[in-house]
């Protein structure tokens, strides 16, 4: 389980972006979202919103984003 840097500075470091991208790619693959599609863009925005709110744990991000997609 990876943990991102706290976003207290508003900065996402390269390792943070790598983890967010990996979670994003995995969920897009699972859901059949094409890169650049409205659904993928919505997922990316949700991931960045969670990060900005301080959700930095990989498992928590994945679970929160999965729940978000299930509610859509």
PDB file of N, CA and C in Angstrom:
ATOM      1  N   UNK A   1       0.855  -1.174   0.000  1.00  0.00           N
ATOM      2  CA  UNK A   1       0.000   0.000   0.000  1.00  0.00           C
ATOM      3  C   UNK A   1       0.897   1.231   0.000  1.00  0.00           C
ATOM      4  N   UNK A   2       0.722   2.071  -0.973  1.00  0.00           N
ATOM      5  CA  UNK A   2       1.512   3.288  -1.068  1.00  0.00           C
ATOM      6  C   UNK A   2       0.731   4.456  -0.495  1.00  0.00           C
ATOM      7  N   UNK A   3       1.473   5.398   0.042  1.00  0.00           N
ATOM      8  CA  UNK A   3       0.873   6.619   0.563  1.00  0.00           C
ATOM      9  C   UNK A   3       1.511   7.790  -0.158  1.00  0.00           C
ATOM     10  N   UNK A   4       0.692   8.682  -0.631  1.00  0.00           N
ATOM     11  CA  UNK A   4       1.176   9.872  -1.323  1.00  0.00           C
ATOM     12  C   UNK A   4       1.656  10.906  -0.324  1.00  0.00           C
ATOM     13  N   UNK A   5       2.334  11.920  -0.832  1.00  0.00           N
ATOM     14  CA  UNK A   5       2.727  13.052   0.004  1.00  0.00           C
ATOM     15  C   UNK A   5       1.478  13.838   0.381  1.00  0.00           C
ATOM     16  N   UNK A   6       1.400  14.335   1.592  1.00  0.00           N
ATOM     17  CA  UNK A   6       0.256  15.187   1.955  1.00  0.00           C
ATOM     18  C   UNK A   6       0.191  16.399   1.029  1.00  0.00           C
ATOM     19  N   UNK A   7      -0.998  16.748   0.548  1.00  0.00           N
ATOM     20  CA  UNK A   7      -1.107  17.866  -0.394  1.00  0.00           C
ATOM     21  C   UNK A   7      -1.175  19.231   0.283  1.00  0.00           C
ATOM     22  N   UNK A   8      -0.629  19.336   1.478  1.00  0.00           N
ATOM     23  CA  UNK A   8      -0.745  20.586   2.224  1.00  0.00           C
ATOM     24  C   UNK A   8      -0.156  21.773   1.477  1.00  0.00           C
ATOM     25  N   UNK A   9       0.814  21.506   0.613  1.00  0.00           N
ATOM     26  CA  UNK A   9       1.417  22.590  -0.149  1.00  0.00           C
ATOM     27  C   UNK A   9       0.712  22.814  -1.483  1.00  0.00           C
ATOM     28  N   UNK A  10      -0.238  21.944  -1.797  1.00  0.00           N
ATOM     29  CA  UNK A  10      -0.901  22.030  -3.090  1.00  0.00           C
ATOM     30  C   UNK A  10      -0.081  21.432  -4.207  1.00  0.00           C
ATOM     31  N   UNK A  11       1.001  20.744  -3.859  1.00  0.00           N
ATOM     32  CA  UNK A  11       1.903  20.183  -4.852  1.00  0.00           C
ATOM     33  C   UNK A  11       1.735  18.670  -4.896  1.00  0.00           C
ATOM     34  N   UNK A  12       1.595  18.127  -6.092  1.00  0.00           N
ATOM     35  CA  UNK A  12       1.618  16.684  -6.300  1.00  0.00           C
ATOM     36  C   UNK A  12       2.988  16.355  -6.879  1.00  0.00           C
ATOM     37  N   UNK A  13       3.760  15.585  -6.152  1.00  0.00           N
ATOM     38  CA  UNK A  13       5.107  15.205  -6.588  1.00  0.00           C
ATOM     39  C   UNK A  13       5.023  14.116  -7.648  1.00  0.00           C
ATOM     40  N   UNK A  14       6.120  13.879  -8.394  1.00  0.00           N
ATOM     41  CA  UNK A  14       6.090  12.853  -9.445  1.00  0.00           C
ATOM     42  C   UNK A  14       5.620  11.483  -8.945  1.00  0.00           C
ATOM     43  N   UNK A  15       6.048  11.075  -7.769  1.00  0.00           N
ATOM     44  CA  UNK A  15       5.595   9.801  -7.227  1.00  0.00           C
ATOM     45  C   UNK A  15       4.100   9.793  -6.950  1.00  0.00           C
ATOM     46  N   UNK A  16       3.585  10.935  -6.515  1.00  0.00           N
ATOM     47  CA  UNK A  16       2.146  11.073  -6.283  1.00  0.00           C
ATOM     48  C   UNK A  16       1.392  10.908  -7.600  1.00  0.00           C
ATOM     49  N   UNK A  17       1.874  11.587  -8.629  1.00  0.00           N
ATOM     50  CA  UNK A  17       1.216  11.519  -9.931  1.00  0.00           C
ATOM     51  C   UNK A  17       1.296  10.113 -10.513  1.00  0.00           C
ATOM     52  N   UNK A  18       2.425   9.432 -10.301  1.00  0.00           N
ATOM     53  CA  UNK A  18       2.558   8.052 -10.779  1.00  0.00           C
ATOM     54  C   UNK A  18       1.506   7.154 -10.139  1.00  0.00           C
ATOM     55  N   UNK A  19       1.322   7.297  -8.836  1.00  0.00           N
ATOM     56  CA  UNK A  19       0.344   6.478  -8.135  1.00  0.00           C
ATOM     57  C   UNK A  19      -1.076   6.831  -8.580  1.00  0.00           C
ATOM     58  N   UNK A  20      -1.381   8.108  -8.667  1.00  0.00           N
ATOM     59  CA  UNK A  20      -2.702   8.519  -9.134  1.00  0.00           C
ATOM     60  C   UNK A  20      -2.973   7.994 -10.543  1.00  0.00           C
ATOM     61  N   UNK A  21      -1.979   8.048 -11.396  1.00  0.00           N
ATOM     62  CA  UNK A  21      -2.124   7.560 -12.778  1.00  0.00           C
ATOM     63  C   UNK A  21      -2.342   6.056 -12.796  1.00  0.00           C
ATOM     64  N   UNK A  22      -1.634   5.327 -11.958  1.00  0.00           N
ATOM     65  CA  UNK A  22      -1.788   3.872 -11.911  1.00  0.00           C
ATOM     66  C   UNK A  22      -3.210   3.507 -11.456  1.00  0.00           C
ATOM     67  N   UNK A  23      -3.694   4.177 -10.424  1.00  0.00           N
ATOM     68  CA  UNK A  23      -5.058   3.934  -9.954  1.00  0.00           C
ATOM     69  C   UNK A  23      -6.054   4.285 -11.062  1.00  0.00           C
ATOM     70  N   UNK A  24      -5.858   5.437 -11.686  1.00  0.00           N
ATOM     71  CA  UNK A  24      -6.713   5.886 -12.786  1.00  0.00           C
ATOM     72  C   UNK A  24      -6.716   4.861 -13.925  1.00  0.00           C
ATOM     73  N   UNK A  25      -5.539   4.428 -14.350  1.00  0.00           N
ATOM     74  CA  UNK A  25      -5.440   3.463 -15.447  1.00  0.00           C
ATOM     75  C   UNK A  25      -6.125   2.147 -15.098  1.00  0.00           C
ATOM     76  N   UNK A  26      -5.915   1.666 -13.875  1.00  0.00           N
ATOM     77  CA  UNK A  26      -6.540   0.406 -13.444  1.00  0.00           C
ATOM     78  C   UNK A  26      -8.066   0.517 -13.474  1.00  0.00           C
ATOM     79  N   UNK A  27      -8.595   1.607 -12.934  1.00  0.00           N
ATOM     80  CA  UNK A  27     -10.051   1.776 -12.908  1.00  0.00           C
ATOM     81  C   UNK A  27     -10.619   1.975 -14.314  1.00  0.00           C
ATOM     82  N   UNK A  28      -9.916   2.706 -15.155  1.00  0.00           N
ATOM     83  CA  UNK A  28     -10.371   2.870 -16.543  1.00  0.00           C
ATOM     84  C   UNK A  28     -10.418   1.508 -17.243  1.00  0.00           C
ATOM     85  N   UNK A  29      -9.398   0.708 -17.034  1.00  0.00           N
ATOM     86  CA  UNK A  29      -9.357  -0.625 -17.652  1.00  0.00           C
ATOM     87  C   UNK A  29     -10.507  -1.490 -17.140  1.00  0.00           C
ATOM     88  N   UNK A  30     -10.709  -1.491 -15.816  1.00  0.00           N
ATOM     89  CA  UNK A  30     -11.780  -2.290 -15.228  1.00  0.00           C
ATOM     90  C   UNK A  30     -13.154  -1.877 -15.740  1.00  0.00           C
ATOM     91  N   UNK A  31     -13.347  -0.586 -15.939  1.00  0.00           N
ATOM     92  CA  UNK A  31     -14.663  -0.056 -16.336  1.00  0.00           C
ATOM     93  C   UNK A  31     -14.820   0.084 -17.847  1.00  0.00           C
ATOM     94  N   UNK A  32     -13.740  -0.148 -18.592  1.00  0.00           N
ATOM     95  CA  UNK A  32     -13.809  -0.028 -20.039  1.00  0.00           C
ATOM     96  C   UNK A  32     -13.869   1.410 -20.532  1.00  0.00           C
ATOM     97  N   UNK A  33     -13.303   2.339 -19.743  1.00  0.00           N
ATOM     98  CA  UNK A  33     -13.269   3.739 -20.153  1.00  0.00           C
ATOM     99  C   UNK A  33     -12.111   3.958 -21.127  1.00  0.00           C
ATOM    100  N   UNK A  34     -12.375   4.625 -22.238  1.00  0.00           N
ATOM    101  CA  UNK A  34     -11.320   5.004 -23.178  1.00  0.00           C
ATOM    102  C   UNK A  34     -10.642   6.270 -22.671  1.00  0.00           C
ATOM    103  N   UNK A  35      -9.322   6.325 -22.842  1.00  0.00           N
ATOM    104  CA  UNK A  35      -8.584   7.524 -22.458  1.00  0.00           C
ATOM    105  C   UNK A  35      -9.165   8.722 -23.198  1.00  0.00           C
ATOM    106  N   UNK A  36      -9.395   9.802 -22.481  1.00  0.00           N
ATOM    107  CA  UNK A  36      -9.927  11.021 -23.070  1.00  0.00           C
ATOM    108  C   UNK A  36     -11.441  11.067 -23.150  1.00  0.00           C
ATOM    109  N   UNK A  37     -12.103   9.976 -22.790  1.00  0.00           N
ATOM    110  CA  UNK A  37     -13.564   9.972 -22.818  1.00  0.00           C
ATOM    111  C   UNK A  37     -14.107  10.823 -21.669  1.00  0.00           C
ATOM    112  N   UNK A  38     -15.349  11.248 -21.766  1.00  0.00           N
ATOM    113  CA  UNK A  38     -15.934  12.007 -20.657  1.00  0.00           C
ATOM    114  C   UNK A  38     -15.884  11.234 -19.331  1.00  0.00           C
ATOM    115  N   UNK A  39     -16.103   9.929 -19.369  1.00  0.00           N
ATOM    116  CA  UNK A  39     -16.065   9.131 -18.137  1.00  0.00           C
ATOM    117  C   UNK A  39     -14.656   9.121 -17.537  1.00  0.00           C
ATOM    118  N   UNK A  40     -13.639   9.010 -18.393  1.00  0.00           N
ATOM    119  CA  UNK A  40     -12.259   9.015 -17.916  1.00  0.00           C
ATOM    120  C   UNK A  40     -11.886  10.391 -17.360  1.00  0.00           C
ATOM    121  N   UNK A  41     -12.333  11.446 -18.013  1.00  0.00           N
ATOM    122  CA  UNK A  41     -12.057  12.799 -17.516  1.00  0.00           C
ATOM    123  C   UNK A  41     -12.718  13.020 -16.156  1.00  0.00           C
ATOM    124  N   UNK A  42     -13.932  12.527 -16.005  1.00  0.00           N
ATOM    125  CA  UNK A  42     -14.643  12.640 -14.737  1.00  0.00           C
ATOM    126  C   UNK A  42     -13.892  11.895 -13.631  1.00  0.00           C
ATOM    127  N   UNK A  43     -13.405  10.709 -13.947  1.00  0.00           N
ATOM    128  CA  UNK A  43     -12.627   9.929 -12.986  1.00  0.00           C
ATOM    129  C   UNK A  43     -11.346  10.662 -12.598  1.00  0.00           C
ATOM    130  N   UNK A  44     -10.656  11.234 -13.561  1.00  0.00           N
ATOM    131  CA  UNK A  44      -9.420  11.967 -13.277  1.00  0.00           C
ATOM    132  C   UNK A  44      -9.690  13.154 -12.359  1.00  0.00           C
ATOM    133  N   UNK A  45     -10.762  13.871 -12.626  1.00  0.00           N
ATOM    134  CA  UNK A  45     -11.121  15.012 -11.774  1.00  0.00           C
ATOM    135  C   UNK A  45     -11.443  14.552 -10.360  1.00  0.00           C
ATOM    136  N   UNK A  46     -12.174  13.445 -10.246  1.00  0.00           N
ATOM    137  CA  UNK A  46     -12.515  12.916  -8.924  1.00  0.00           C
ATOM    138  C   UNK A  46     -11.254  12.503  -8.168  1.00  0.00           C
ATOM    139  N   UNK A  47     -10.303  11.893  -8.854  1.00  0.00           N
ATOM    140  CA  UNK A  47      -9.050  11.485  -8.215  1.00  0.00           C
ATOM    141  C   UNK A  47      -8.278  12.696  -7.707  1.00  0.00           C
ATOM    142  N   UNK A  48      -8.194  13.739  -8.507  1.00  0.00           N
ATOM    143  CA  UNK A  48      -7.467  14.935  -8.091  1.00  0.00           C
ATOM    144  C   UNK A  48      -8.204  15.651  -6.965  1.00  0.00           C
ATOM    145  N   UNK A  49      -9.526  15.649  -7.007  1.00  0.00           N
ATOM    146  CA  UNK A  49     -10.302  16.259  -5.927  1.00  0.00           C
ATOM    147  C   UNK A  49     -10.042  15.544  -4.600  1.00  0.00           C
ATOM    148  N   UNK A  50     -10.040  14.217  -4.639  1.00  0.00           N
ATOM    149  CA  UNK A  50      -9.760  13.452  -3.418  1.00  0.00           C
ATOM    150  C   UNK A  50      -8.363  13.766  -2.896  1.00  0.00           C
ATOM    151  N   UNK A  51      -7.390  13.807  -3.800  1.00  0.00           N
ATOM    152  CA  UNK A  51      -6.011  14.124  -3.407  1.00  0.00           C
ATOM    153  C   UNK A  51      -5.956  15.506  -2.760  1.00  0.00           C
ATOM    154  N   UNK A  52      -6.619  16.474  -3.376  1.00  0.00           N
ATOM    155  CA  UNK A  52      -6.622  17.846  -2.848  1.00  0.00           C
ATOM    156  C   UNK A  52      -7.290  17.926  -1.478  1.00  0.00           C
ATOM    157  N   UNK A  53      -8.222  17.000  -1.213  1.00  0.00           N
ATOM    158  CA  UNK A  53      -8.897  16.953   0.082  1.00  0.00           C
ATOM    159  C   UNK A  53      -8.087  16.204   1.134  1.00  0.00           C
ATOM    160  N   UNK A  54      -6.940  15.677   0.737  1.00  0.00           N
ATOM    161  CA  UNK A  54      -6.073  15.000   1.693  1.00  0.00           C
ATOM    162  C   UNK A  54      -6.169  13.494   1.703  1.00  0.00           C
ATOM    163  N   UNK A  55      -6.903  12.907   0.769  1.00  0.00           N
ATOM    164  CA  UNK A  55      -6.949  11.447   0.668  1.00  0.00           C
ATOM    165  C   UNK A  55      -5.689  11.027  -0.078  1.00  0.00           C
ATOM    166  N   UNK A  56      -4.760  10.414   0.648  1.00  0.00           N
ATOM    167  CA  UNK A  56      -3.451  10.127   0.063  1.00  0.00           C
ATOM    168  C   UNK A  56      -3.066   8.652   0.137  1.00  0.00           C
ATOM    169  N   UNK A  57      -3.900   7.824   0.757  1.00  0.00           N
ATOM    170  CA  UNK A  57      -3.619   6.395   0.871  1.00  0.00           C
ATOM    171  C   UNK A  57      -4.142   5.688  -0.383  1.00  0.00           C
ATOM    172  N   UNK A  58      -3.318   4.818  -0.969  1.00  0.00           N
ATOM    173  CA  UNK A  58      -3.679   4.142  -2.213  1.00  0.00           C
ATOM    174  C   UNK A  58      -4.981   3.355  -2.077  1.00  0.00           C
ATOM    175  N   UNK A  59      -5.083   2.566  -1.017  1.00  0.00           N
ATOM    176  CA  UNK A  59      -6.295   1.758  -0.835  1.00  0.00           C
ATOM    177  C   UNK A  59      -7.526   2.633  -0.636  1.00  0.00           C
ATOM    178  N   UNK A  60      -7.378   3.701   0.119  1.00  0.00           N
ATOM    179  CA  UNK A  60      -8.501   4.600   0.364  1.00  0.00           C
ATOM    180  C   UNK A  60      -8.914   5.322  -0.922  1.00  0.00           C
ATOM    181  N   UNK A  61      -7.932   5.748  -1.700  1.00  0.00           N
ATOM    182  CA  UNK A  61      -8.239   6.386  -2.981  1.00  0.00           C
ATOM    183  C   UNK A  61      -8.975   5.425  -3.904  1.00  0.00           C
ATOM    184  N   UNK A  62      -8.461   4.209  -4.011  1.00  0.00           N
ATOM    185  CA  UNK A  62      -9.076   3.216  -4.894  1.00  0.00           C
ATOM    186  C   UNK A  62     -10.500   2.910  -4.451  1.00  0.00           C
ATOM    187  N   UNK A  63     -10.691   2.709  -3.161  1.00  0.00           N
ATOM    188  CA  UNK A  63     -12.021   2.408  -2.644  1.00  0.00           C
ATOM    189  C   UNK A  63     -12.973   3.585  -2.852  1.00  0.00           C
ATOM    190  N   UNK A  64     -12.510   4.789  -2.561  1.00  0.00           N
ATOM    191  CA  UNK A  64     -13.354   5.972  -2.718  1.00  0.00           C
ATOM    192  C   UNK A  64     -13.746   6.181  -4.177  1.00  0.00           C
ATOM    193  N   UNK A  65     -12.792   6.001  -5.082  1.00  0.00           N
ATOM    194  CA  UNK A  65     -13.084   6.186  -6.496  1.00  0.00           C
ATOM    195  C   UNK A  65     -14.005   5.079  -7.028  1.00  0.00           C
ATOM    196  N   UNK A  66     -13.813   3.866  -6.563  1.00  0.00           N
ATOM    197  CA  UNK A  66     -14.698   2.760  -6.952  1.00  0.00           C
ATOM    198  C   UNK A  66     -16.117   3.040  -6.478  1.00  0.00           C
ATOM    199  N   UNK A  67     -16.260   3.486  -5.244  1.00  0.00           N
ATOM    200  CA  UNK A  67     -17.584   3.831  -4.717  1.00  0.00           C
ATOM    201  C   UNK A  67     -18.207   4.972  -5.509  1.00  0.00           C
ATOM    202  N   UNK A  68     -17.386   5.964  -5.848  1.00  0.00           N
ATOM    203  CA  UNK A  68     -17.859   7.099  -6.650  1.00  0.00           C
ATOM    204  C   UNK A  68     -18.403   6.595  -7.999  1.00  0.00           C
ATOM    205  N   UNK A  69     -17.648   5.725  -8.651  1.00  0.00           N
ATOM    206  CA  UNK A  69     -18.085   5.212  -9.957  1.00  0.00           C
ATOM    207  C   UNK A  69     -19.339   4.351  -9.828  1.00  0.00           C
ATOM    208  N   UNK A  70     -19.443   3.604  -8.761  1.00  0.00           N
ATOM    209  CA  UNK A  70     -20.622   2.766  -8.554  1.00  0.00           C
ATOM    210  C   UNK A  70     -21.890   3.595  -8.355  1.00  0.00           C
ATOM    211  N   UNK A  71     -21.734   4.795  -7.800  1.00  0.00           N
ATOM    212  CA  UNK A  71     -22.884   5.669  -7.564  1.00  0.00           C
ATOM    213  C   UNK A  71     -23.311   6.425  -8.814  1.00  0.00           C
ATOM    214  N   UNK A  72     -22.463   6.506  -9.800  1.00  0.00           N
ATOM    215  CA  UNK A  72     -22.768   7.262 -11.028  1.00  0.00           C
ATOM    216  C   UNK A  72     -23.795   6.572 -11.866  1.00  0.00           C
TER     217      UNK A  72
END
